[in-house]
PDB file of all heavy atoms in Angstrom:
ATOM      1  N   GLY A   1      94.313 115.505 108.553  1.00  0.00           N
ATOM      2  CA  GLY A   1      94.907 114.545 109.456  1.00  0.00           C
ATOM      3  C   GLY A   1      95.161 113.205 108.808  1.00  0.00           C
ATOM      4  O   GLY A   1      94.898 113.000 107.622  1.00  0.00           O
ATOM      5  N   SER A   2      95.664 112.275 109.613  1.00  0.00           N
ATOM      6  CA  SER A   2      96.008 110.941 109.146  1.00  0.00           C
ATOM      7  C   SER A   2      95.343 109.886 110.015  1.00  0.00           C
ATOM      8  O   SER A   2      95.006 110.129 111.179  1.00  0.00           O
ATOM      9  CB  SER A   2      97.527 110.729 109.167  1.00  0.00           C
ATOM     10  OG  SER A   2      98.191 111.638 108.306  1.00  0.00           O
ATOM     11  N   LEU A   3      95.182 108.713 109.441  1.00  0.00           N
ATOM     12  CA  LEU A   3      94.573 107.598 110.143  1.00  0.00           C
ATOM     13  C   LEU A   3      95.074 106.308 109.524  1.00  0.00           C
ATOM     14  O   LEU A   3      95.281 106.237 108.306  1.00  0.00           O
ATOM     15  CB  LEU A   3      93.053 107.673 110.061  1.00  0.00           C
ATOM     16  CG  LEU A   3      92.239 106.813 111.029  1.00  0.00           C
ATOM     17  CD1 LEU A   3      92.460 107.261 112.462  1.00  0.00           C
ATOM     18  CD2 LEU A   3      90.767 106.876 110.672  1.00  0.00           C
ATOM     19  N   ARG A   4      95.270 105.307 110.362  1.00  0.00           N
ATOM     20  CA  ARG A   4      95.675 103.994 109.875  1.00  0.00           C
ATOM     21  C   ARG A   4      94.647 102.957 110.285  1.00  0.00           C
ATOM     22  O   ARG A   4      94.364 102.763 111.473  1.00  0.00           O
ATOM     23  CB  ARG A   4      97.060 103.606 110.412  1.00  0.00           C
ATOM     24  CG  ARG A   4      97.489 102.196 109.995  1.00  0.00           C
ATOM     25  CD  ARG A   4      98.931 101.882 110.364  1.00  0.00           C
ATOM     26  NE  ARG A   4      99.870 102.650 109.564  1.00  0.00           N
ATOM     27  CZ  ARG A   4     101.162 102.346 109.424  1.00  0.00           C
ATOM     28  NH1 ARG A   4     101.659 101.275 110.035  1.00  0.00           N
ATOM     29  NH2 ARG A   4     101.952 103.110 108.693  1.00  0.00           N
ATOM     30  N   LEU A   5      94.087 102.284 109.302  1.00  0.00           N
ATOM     31  CA  LEU A   5      93.127 101.223 109.526  1.00  0.00           C
ATOM     32  C   LEU A   5      93.825  99.872 109.462  1.00  0.00           C
ATOM     33  O   LEU A   5      94.749  99.674 108.668  1.00  0.00           O
ATOM     34  CB  LEU A   5      92.003 101.267 108.497  1.00  0.00           C
ATOM     35  CG  LEU A   5      91.253 102.589 108.351  1.00  0.00           C
ATOM     36  CD1 LEU A   5      90.143 102.434 107.317  1.00  0.00           C
ATOM     37  CD2 LEU A   5      90.701 103.053 109.686  1.00  0.00           C
ATOM     38  N   SER A   6      93.369  98.943 110.289  1.00  0.00           N
ATOM     39  CA  SER A   6      93.950  97.621 110.361  1.00  0.00           C
ATOM     40  C   SER A   6      92.974  96.576 109.850  1.00  0.00           C
ATOM     41  O   SER A   6      91.773  96.654 110.109  1.00  0.00           O
ATOM     42  CB  SER A   6      94.351  97.292 111.801  1.00  0.00           C
ATOM     43  OG  SER A   6      94.824  95.960 111.911  1.00  0.00           O
ATOM     44  N   CYS A   7      93.499  95.604 109.129  1.00  0.00           N
ATOM     45  CA  CYS A   7      92.719  94.476 108.629  1.00  0.00           C
ATOM     46  C   CYS A   7      93.494  93.204 108.939  1.00  0.00           C
ATOM     47  O   CYS A   7      94.568  92.975 108.374  1.00  0.00           O
ATOM     48  CB  CYS A   7      92.474  94.622 107.121  1.00  0.00           C
ATOM     49  SG  CYS A   7      91.649  93.217 106.344  1.00  0.00           S
ATOM     50  N   VAL A   8      92.965  92.396 109.839  1.00  0.00           N
ATOM     51  CA  VAL A   8      93.608  91.152 110.243  1.00  0.00           C
ATOM     52  C   VAL A   8      92.776  89.980 109.745  1.00  0.00           C
ATOM     53  O   VAL A   8      91.565  89.923 109.992  1.00  0.00           O
ATOM     54  CB  VAL A   8      93.790  91.075 111.763  1.00  0.00           C
ATOM     55  CG1 VAL A   8      94.462  89.758 112.152  1.00  0.00           C
ATOM     56  CG2 VAL A   8      94.618  92.247 112.262  1.00  0.00           C
ATOM     57  N   ALA A   9      93.421  89.050 109.061  1.00  0.00           N
ATOM     58  CA  ALA A   9      92.717  87.912 108.480  1.00  0.00           C
ATOM     59  C   ALA A   9      92.580  86.778 109.479  1.00  0.00           C
ATOM     60  O   ALA A   9      93.490  86.528 110.283  1.00  0.00           O
ATOM     61  CB  ALA A   9      93.436  87.423 107.232  1.00  0.00           C
ATOM     62  N   GLU A  10      91.444  86.116 109.425  1.00  0.00           N
ATOM     63  CA  GLU A  10      91.196  84.928 110.220  1.00  0.00           C
ATOM     64  C   GLU A  10      91.196  83.717 109.301  1.00  0.00           C
ATOM     65  O   GLU A  10      90.482  83.697 108.309  1.00  0.00           O
ATOM     66  CB  GLU A  10      89.865  85.027 110.954  1.00  0.00           C
ATOM     67  CG  GLU A  10      89.803  86.167 111.952  1.00  0.00           C
ATOM     68  CD  GLU A  10      88.455  86.277 112.633  1.00  0.00           C
ATOM     69  OE1 GLU A  10      87.483  85.659 112.133  1.00  0.00           O
ATOM     70  OE2 GLU A  10      88.356  86.974 113.654  1.00  0.00           O
ATOM     71  N   ILE A  11      92.012  82.734 109.628  1.00  0.00           N
ATOM     72  CA  ILE A  11      92.110  81.441 108.939  1.00  0.00           C
ATOM     73  C   ILE A  11      92.845  81.552 107.608  1.00  0.00           C
ATOM     74  O   ILE A  11      93.829  80.844 107.377  1.00  0.00           O
ATOM     75  CB  ILE A  11      90.717  80.795 108.735  1.00  0.00           C
ATOM     76  CG1 ILE A  11      90.061  80.561 110.093  1.00  0.00           C
ATOM     77  CG2 ILE A  11      90.860  79.479 107.974  1.00  0.00           C
ATOM     78  CD1 ILE A  11      88.684  79.955 109.989  1.00  0.00           C
ATOM     79  N   LEU A  12      92.387  82.417 106.724  1.00  0.00           N
ATOM     80  CA  LEU A  12      93.026  82.523 105.419  1.00  0.00           C
ATOM     81  C   LEU A  12      94.409  83.152 105.527  1.00  0.00           C
ATOM     82  O   LEU A  12      94.687  83.909 106.457  1.00  0.00           O
ATOM     83  CB  LEU A  12      92.140  83.305 104.456  1.00  0.00           C
ATOM     84  CG  LEU A  12      91.783  84.754 104.784  1.00  0.00           C
ATOM     85  CD1 LEU A  12      92.876  85.712 104.333  1.00  0.00           C
ATOM     86  CD2 LEU A  12      90.463  85.122 104.119  1.00  0.00           C
ATOM     87  N   ASP A  13      95.270  82.814 104.569  1.00  0.00           N
ATOM     88  CA  ASP A  13      96.632  83.330 104.542  1.00  0.00           C
ATOM     89  C   ASP A  13      96.657  84.570 103.660  1.00  0.00           C
ATOM     90  O   ASP A  13      96.711  84.476 102.430  1.00  0.00           O
ATOM     91  CB  ASP A  13      97.598  82.272 104.019  1.00  0.00           C
ATOM     92  CG  ASP A  13      97.701  81.072 104.932  1.00  0.00           C
ATOM     93  OD1 ASP A  13      97.658  81.258 106.167  1.00  0.00           O
ATOM     94  OD2 ASP A  13      97.835  79.940 104.416  1.00  0.00           O
ATOM     95  N   LEU A  14      96.640  85.708 104.283  1.00  0.00           N
ATOM     96  CA  LEU A  14      96.513  86.970 103.564  1.00  0.00           C
ATOM     97  C   LEU A  14      97.617  87.227 102.534  1.00  0.00           C
ATOM     98  O   LEU A  14      97.342  87.864 101.510  1.00  0.00           O
ATOM     99  CB  LEU A  14      96.428  88.135 104.551  1.00  0.00           C
ATOM    100  CG  LEU A  14      95.751  89.405 104.034  1.00  0.00           C
ATOM    101  CD1 LEU A  14      94.346  89.107 103.532  1.00  0.00           C
ATOM    102  CD2 LEU A  14      95.727  90.473 105.120  1.00  0.00           C
ATOM    103  N   PRO A  15      98.852  86.789 102.757  1.00  0.00           N
ATOM    104  CA  PRO A  15      99.885  87.005 101.731  1.00  0.00           C
ATOM    105  C   PRO A  15      99.551  86.395 100.379  1.00  0.00           C
ATOM    106  O   PRO A  15     100.111  86.823  99.367  1.00  0.00           O
ATOM    107  CB  PRO A  15     101.130  86.342 102.335  1.00  0.00           C
ATOM    108  CG  PRO A  15     100.913  86.431 103.810  1.00  0.00           C
ATOM    109  CD  PRO A  15      99.433  86.228 103.986  1.00  0.00           C
ATOM    110  N   ASP A  16      98.657  85.420 100.338  1.00  0.00           N
ATOM    111  CA  ASP A  16      98.277  84.771  99.093  1.00  0.00           C
ATOM    112  C   ASP A  16      97.056  85.411  98.444  1.00  0.00           C
ATOM    113  O   ASP A  16      96.549  84.887  97.452  1.00  0.00           O
ATOM    114  CB  ASP A  16      98.000  83.286  99.332  1.00  0.00           C
ATOM    115  CG  ASP A  16      99.228  82.526  99.783  1.00  0.00           C
ATOM    116  OD1 ASP A  16     100.346  82.904  99.390  1.00  0.00           O
ATOM    117  OD2 ASP A  16      99.078  81.549 100.541  1.00  0.00           O
ATOM    118  N   TYR A  17      96.597  86.533  98.993  1.00  0.00           N
ATOM    119  CA  TYR A  17      95.366  87.154  98.539  1.00  0.00           C
ATOM    120  C   TYR A  17      95.592  88.578  98.067  1.00  0.00           C
ATOM    121  O   TYR A  17      96.426  89.310  98.601  1.00  0.00           O
ATOM    122  CB  TYR A  17      94.330  87.178  99.668  1.00  0.00           C
ATOM    123  CG  TYR A  17      93.723  85.835  99.985  1.00  0.00           C
ATOM    124  CD1 TYR A  17      94.468  84.851 100.615  1.00  0.00           C
ATOM    125  CD2 TYR A  17      92.399  85.567  99.647  1.00  0.00           C
ATOM    126  CE1 TYR A  17      93.910  83.618 100.897  1.00  0.00           C
ATOM    127  CE2 TYR A  17      91.833  84.342  99.940  1.00  0.00           C
ATOM    128  CZ  TYR A  17      92.598  83.371 100.567  1.00  0.00           C
ATOM    129  OH  TYR A  17      92.037  82.153 100.859  1.00  0.00           O
ATOM    130  N   THR A  18      94.829  88.949  97.050  1.00  0.00           N
ATOM    131  CA  THR A  18      94.696  90.359  96.728  1.00  0.00           C
ATOM    132  C   THR A  18      93.932  91.043  97.861  1.00  0.00           C
ATOM    133  O   THR A  18      92.952  90.495  98.371  1.00  0.00           O
ATOM    134  CB  THR A  18      93.951  90.555  95.401  1.00  0.00           C
ATOM    135  OG1 THR A  18      94.746  90.033  94.336  1.00  0.00           O
ATOM    136  CG2 THR A  18      93.664  92.028  95.141  1.00  0.00           C
ATOM    137  N   VAL A  19      94.390  92.216  98.271  1.00  0.00           N
ATOM    138  CA  VAL A  19      93.777  92.960  99.364  1.00  0.00           C
ATOM    139  C   VAL A  19      93.250  94.278  98.826  1.00  0.00           C
ATOM    140  O   VAL A  19      93.925  94.956  98.045  1.00  0.00           O
ATOM    141  CB  VAL A  19      94.780  93.213 100.503  1.00  0.00           C
ATOM    142  CG1 VAL A  19      94.161  94.112 101.566  1.00  0.00           C
ATOM    143  CG2 VAL A  19      95.222  91.898 101.120  1.00  0.00           C
ATOM    144  N   ALA A  20      92.056  94.636  99.254  1.00  0.00           N
ATOM    145  CA  ALA A  20      91.440  95.878  98.805  1.00  0.00           C
ATOM    146  C   ALA A  20      90.702  96.544  99.959  1.00  0.00           C
ATOM    147  O   ALA A  20      90.322  95.895 100.931  1.00  0.00           O
ATOM    148  CB  ALA A  20      90.469  95.619  97.646  1.00  0.00           C
ATOM    149  N   TRP A  21      90.517  97.835  99.827  1.00  0.00           N
ATOM    150  CA  TRP A  21      89.695  98.607 100.747  1.00  0.00           C
ATOM    151  C   TRP A  21      88.584  99.283  99.970  1.00  0.00           C
ATOM    152  O   TRP A  21      88.837  99.873  98.915  1.00  0.00           O
ATOM    153  CB  TRP A  21      90.521  99.645 101.504  1.00  0.00           C
ATOM    154  CG  TRP A  21      91.414  99.050 102.545  1.00  0.00           C
ATOM    155  CD1 TRP A  21      92.679  98.575 102.382  1.00  0.00           C
ATOM    156  CD2 TRP A  21      91.090  98.875 103.939  1.00  0.00           C
ATOM    157  NE1 TRP A  21      93.177  98.110 103.572  1.00  0.00           N
ATOM    158  CE2 TRP A  21      92.227  98.279 104.544  1.00  0.00           C
ATOM    159  CE3 TRP A  21      89.971  99.164 104.722  1.00  0.00           C
ATOM    160  CZ2 TRP A  21      92.254  97.965 105.906  1.00  0.00           C
ATOM    161  CZ3 TRP A  21      90.007  98.851 106.071  1.00  0.00           C
ATOM    162  CH2 TRP A  21      91.142  98.261 106.642  1.00  0.00           C
ATOM    163  N   PHE A  22      87.384  99.183 100.515  1.00  0.00           N
ATOM    164  CA  PHE A  22      86.210  99.839  99.961  1.00  0.00           C
ATOM    165  C   PHE A  22      85.659 100.811 100.992  1.00  0.00           C
ATOM    166  O   PHE A  22      85.962 100.716 102.181  1.00  0.00           O
ATOM    167  CB  PHE A  22      85.134  98.815  99.586  1.00  0.00           C
ATOM    168  CG  PHE A  22      85.495  97.933  98.428  1.00  0.00           C
ATOM    169  CD1 PHE A  22      86.401  96.896  98.568  1.00  0.00           C
ATOM    170  CD2 PHE A  22      84.930  98.146  97.181  1.00  0.00           C
ATOM    171  CE1 PHE A  22      86.740  96.084  97.510  1.00  0.00           C
ATOM    172  CE2 PHE A  22      85.256  97.336  96.102  1.00  0.00           C
ATOM    173  CZ  PHE A  22      86.163  96.315  96.267  1.00  0.00           C
ATOM    174  N   ARG A  23      84.844 101.732 100.531  1.00  0.00           N
ATOM    175  CA  ARG A  23      84.163 102.637 101.448  1.00  0.00           C
ATOM    176  C   ARG A  23      82.769 102.946 100.928  1.00  0.00           C
ATOM    177  O   ARG A  23      82.503 102.895  99.728  1.00  0.00           O
ATOM    178  CB  ARG A  23      84.954 103.936 101.655  1.00  0.00           C
ATOM    179  CG  ARG A  23      85.003 104.845 100.440  1.00  0.00           C
ATOM    180  CD  ARG A  23      85.931 106.018 100.685  1.00  0.00           C
ATOM    181  NE  ARG A  23      86.073 106.870  99.524  1.00  0.00           N
ATOM    182  CZ  ARG A  23      87.011 107.796  99.374  1.00  0.00           C
ATOM    183  NH1 ARG A  23      87.907 107.991 100.346  1.00  0.00           N
ATOM    184  NH2 ARG A  23      87.067 108.535  98.278  1.00  0.00           N
ATOM    185  N   GLN A  24      81.896 103.264 101.854  1.00  0.00           N
ATOM    186  CA  GLN A  24      80.530 103.598 101.511  1.00  0.00           C
ATOM    187  C   GLN A  24      80.119 104.841 102.283  1.00  0.00           C
ATOM    188  O   GLN A  24      80.025 104.817 103.505  1.00  0.00           O
ATOM    189  CB  GLN A  24      79.583 102.441 101.817  1.00  0.00           C
ATOM    190  CG  GLN A  24      78.160 102.666 101.348  1.00  0.00           C
ATOM    191  CD  GLN A  24      77.321 101.409 101.412  1.00  0.00           C
ATOM    192  OE1 GLN A  24      77.685 100.441 102.074  1.00  0.00           O
ATOM    193  NE2 GLN A  24      76.198 101.409 100.723  1.00  0.00           N
ATOM    194  N   ALA A  25      79.896 105.913 101.552  1.00  0.00           N
ATOM    195  CA  ALA A  25      79.422 107.150 102.149  1.00  0.00           C
ATOM    196  C   ALA A  25      77.905 107.093 102.287  1.00  0.00           C
ATOM    197  O   ALA A  25      77.233 106.334 101.577  1.00  0.00           O
ATOM    198  CB  ALA A  25      79.843 108.349 101.293  1.00  0.00           C
ATOM    199  N   PRO A  26      77.333 107.885 103.201  1.00  0.00           N
ATOM    200  CA  PRO A  26      75.876 107.890 103.366  1.00  0.00           C
ATOM    201  C   PRO A  26      75.157 108.192 102.060  1.00  0.00           C
ATOM    202  O   PRO A  26      75.455 109.181 101.387  1.00  0.00           O
ATOM    203  CB  PRO A  26      75.658 108.999 104.401  1.00  0.00           C
ATOM    204  CG  PRO A  26      76.937 109.053 105.172  1.00  0.00           C
ATOM    205  CD  PRO A  26      78.009 108.764 104.162  1.00  0.00           C
ATOM    206  N   GLY A  27      74.218 107.332 101.702  1.00  0.00           N
ATOM    207  CA  GLY A  27      73.439 107.519 100.491  1.00  0.00           C
ATOM    208  C   GLY A  27      74.159 107.177  99.206  1.00  0.00           C
ATOM    209  O   GLY A  27      73.607 107.397  98.123  1.00  0.00           O
ATOM    210  N   LYS A  28      75.372 106.651  99.312  1.00  0.00           N
ATOM    211  CA  LYS A  28      76.155 106.317  98.131  1.00  0.00           C
ATOM    212  C   LYS A  28      76.401 104.813  98.045  1.00  0.00           C
ATOM    213  O   LYS A  28      76.253 104.085  99.019  1.00  0.00           O
ATOM    214  CB  LYS A  28      77.501 107.058  98.154  1.00  0.00           C
ATOM    215  CG  LYS A  28      77.392 108.562  98.252  1.00  0.00           C
ATOM    216  CD  LYS A  28      76.751 109.158  97.015  1.00  0.00           C
ATOM    217  CE  LYS A  28      76.743 110.672  97.083  1.00  0.00           C
ATOM    218  NZ  LYS A  28      76.135 111.275  95.869  1.00  0.00           N
ATOM    219  N   GLU A  29      76.775 104.370  96.856  1.00  0.00           N
ATOM    220  CA  GLU A  29      77.134 102.973  96.661  1.00  0.00           C
ATOM    221  C   GLU A  29      78.532 102.709  97.200  1.00  0.00           C
ATOM    222  O   GLU A  29      79.371 103.607  97.275  1.00  0.00           O
ATOM    223  CB  GLU A  29      77.068 102.600  95.179  1.00  0.00           C
ATOM    224  CG  GLU A  29      75.685 102.692  94.563  1.00  0.00           C
ATOM    225  CD  GLU A  29      75.682 102.296  93.101  1.00  0.00           C
ATOM    226  OE1 GLU A  29      76.775 102.144  92.521  1.00  0.00           O
ATOM    227  OE2 GLU A  29      74.591 102.128  92.538  1.00  0.00           O
ATOM    228  N   ARG A  30      78.765 101.471  97.572  1.00  0.00           N
ATOM    229  CA  ARG A  30      80.097 101.082  97.990  1.00  0.00           C
ATOM    230  C   ARG A  30      81.056 101.184  96.810  1.00  0.00           C
ATOM    231  O   ARG A  30      80.750 100.731  95.703  1.00  0.00           O
ATOM    232  CB  ARG A  30      80.083  99.655  98.535  1.00  0.00           C
ATOM    233  CG  ARG A  30      81.408  99.189  99.107  1.00  0.00           C
ATOM    234  CD  ARG A  30      81.321  97.769  99.654  1.00  0.00           C
ATOM    235  NE  ARG A  30      80.299  97.651 100.680  1.00  0.00           N
ATOM    236  CZ  ARG A  30      80.074  96.540 101.368  1.00  0.00           C
ATOM    237  NH1 ARG A  30      80.797  95.453 101.142  1.00  0.00           N
ATOM    238  NH2 ARG A  30      79.117  96.513 102.283  1.00  0.00           N
ATOM    239  N   GLU A  31      82.206 101.785  97.042  1.00  0.00           N
ATOM    240  CA  GLU A  31      83.170 101.980  95.983  1.00  0.00           C
ATOM    241  C   GLU A  31      84.545 101.483  96.399  1.00  0.00           C
ATOM    242  O   GLU A  31      84.928 101.578  97.567  1.00  0.00           O
ATOM    243  CB  GLU A  31      83.267 103.460  95.587  1.00  0.00           C
ATOM    244  CG  GLU A  31      83.795 104.360  96.693  1.00  0.00           C
ATOM    245  CD  GLU A  31      84.088 105.772  96.223  1.00  0.00           C
ATOM    246  OE1 GLU A  31      84.052 106.020  95.000  1.00  0.00           O
ATOM    247  OE2 GLU A  31      84.357 106.639  97.077  1.00  0.00           O
ATOM    248  N   GLY A  32      85.275 100.958  95.437  1.00  0.00           N
ATOM    249  CA  GLY A  32      86.640 100.549  95.685  1.00  0.00           C
ATOM    250  C   GLY A  32      87.543 101.760  95.826  1.00  0.00           C
ATOM    251  O   GLY A  32      87.440 102.713  95.049  1.00  0.00           O
ATOM    252  N   VAL A  33      88.423 101.729  96.806  1.00  0.00           N
ATOM    253  CA  VAL A  33      89.319 102.839  97.087  1.00  0.00           C
ATOM    254  C   VAL A  33      90.737 102.530  96.639  1.00  0.00           C
ATOM    255  O   VAL A  33      91.379 103.325  95.945  1.00  0.00           O
ATOM    256  CB  VAL A  33      89.309 103.198  98.582  1.00  0.00           C
ATOM    257  CG1 VAL A  33      90.281 104.340  98.873  1.00  0.00           C
ATOM    258  CG2 VAL A  33      87.895 103.561  99.030  1.00  0.00           C
ATOM    259  N   ILE A  34      91.230 101.374  97.047  1.00  0.00           N
ATOM    260  CA  ILE A  34      92.591 100.976  96.717  1.00  0.00           C
ATOM    261  C   ILE A  34      92.683  99.461  96.803  1.00  0.00           C
ATOM    262  O   ILE A  34      92.017  98.838  97.629  1.00  0.00           O
ATOM    263  CB  ILE A  34      93.618 101.651  97.658  1.00  0.00           C
ATOM    264  CG1 ILE A  34      95.054 101.317  97.260  1.00  0.00           C
ATOM    265  CG2 ILE A  34      93.345 101.281  99.110  1.00  0.00           C
ATOM    266  CD1 ILE A  34      96.097 102.117  98.037  1.00  0.00           C
ATOM    267  N   ALA A  35      93.496  98.859  95.950  1.00  0.00           N
ATOM    268  CA  ALA A  35      93.695  97.419  95.964  1.00  0.00           C
ATOM    269  C   ALA A  35      95.116  97.108  95.533  1.00  0.00           C
ATOM    270  O   ALA A  35      95.689  97.808  94.688  1.00  0.00           O
ATOM    271  CB  ALA A  35      92.696  96.710  95.042  1.00  0.00           C
ATOM    272  N   VAL A  36      95.674  96.060  96.120  1.00  0.00           N
ATOM    273  CA  VAL A  36      97.037  95.625  95.810  1.00  0.00           C
ATOM    274  C   VAL A  36      97.018  94.124  95.586  1.00  0.00           C
ATOM    275  O   VAL A  36      96.502  93.376  96.416  1.00  0.00           O
ATOM    276  CB  VAL A  36      98.031  95.977  96.936  1.00  0.00           C
ATOM    277  CG1 VAL A  36      99.429  95.509  96.559  1.00  0.00           C
ATOM    278  CG2 VAL A  36      98.033  97.474  97.199  1.00  0.00           C
ATOM    279  N   THR A  37      97.600  93.682  94.469  1.00  0.00           N
ATOM    280  CA  THR A  37      97.678  92.258  94.185  1.00  0.00           C
ATOM    281  C   THR A  37      98.637  91.578  95.151  1.00  0.00           C
ATOM    282  O   THR A  37      99.465  92.220  95.800  1.00  0.00           O
ATOM    283  CB  THR A  37      98.126  92.010  92.742  1.00  0.00           C
ATOM    284  OG1 THR A  37      99.400  92.624  92.523  1.00  0.00           O
ATOM    285  CG2 THR A  37      97.123  92.591  91.758  1.00  0.00           C
ATOM    286  N   ARG A  38      98.542  90.252  95.229  1.00  0.00           N
ATOM    287  CA  ARG A  38      99.336  89.525  96.215  1.00  0.00           C
ATOM    288  C   ARG A  38     100.829  89.628  95.938  1.00  0.00           C
ATOM    289  O   ARG A  38     101.633  89.569  96.862  1.00  0.00           O
ATOM    290  CB  ARG A  38      98.891  88.065  96.284  1.00  0.00           C
ATOM    291  CG  ARG A  38      99.148  87.269  95.010  1.00  0.00           C
ATOM    292  CD  ARG A  38      98.628  85.867  95.178  1.00  0.00           C
ATOM    293  NE  ARG A  38      98.977  84.999  94.064  1.00  0.00           N
ATOM    294  CZ  ARG A  38      98.638  83.733  93.971  1.00  0.00           C
ATOM    295  NH1 ARG A  38      97.911  83.165  94.937  1.00  0.00           N
ATOM    296  NH2 ARG A  38      99.005  83.016  92.916  1.00  0.00           N
ATOM    297  N   ASP A  39     101.209  89.764  94.683  1.00  0.00           N
ATOM    298  CA  ASP A  39     102.606  89.952  94.321  1.00  0.00           C
ATOM    299  C   ASP A  39     103.002  91.424  94.287  1.00  0.00           C
ATOM    300  O   ASP A  39     104.149  91.747  93.993  1.00  0.00           O
ATOM    301  CB  ASP A  39     102.897  89.325  92.961  1.00  0.00           C
ATOM    302  CG  ASP A  39     102.750  87.818  92.972  1.00  0.00           C
ATOM    303  OD1 ASP A  39     103.054  87.202  94.016  1.00  0.00           O
ATOM    304  OD2 ASP A  39     102.343  87.254  91.945  1.00  0.00           O
TER     305      ASP A  39
END
């Protein structure tokens, strides 16, 4: 299946920021999944 997660920024201007998603499975360390630079 498919799923879309939303991330809305408060105060900061998200277009000027690198954005990334991390995930943490049970018993595992947090890991980076995907990241996109601001440009």
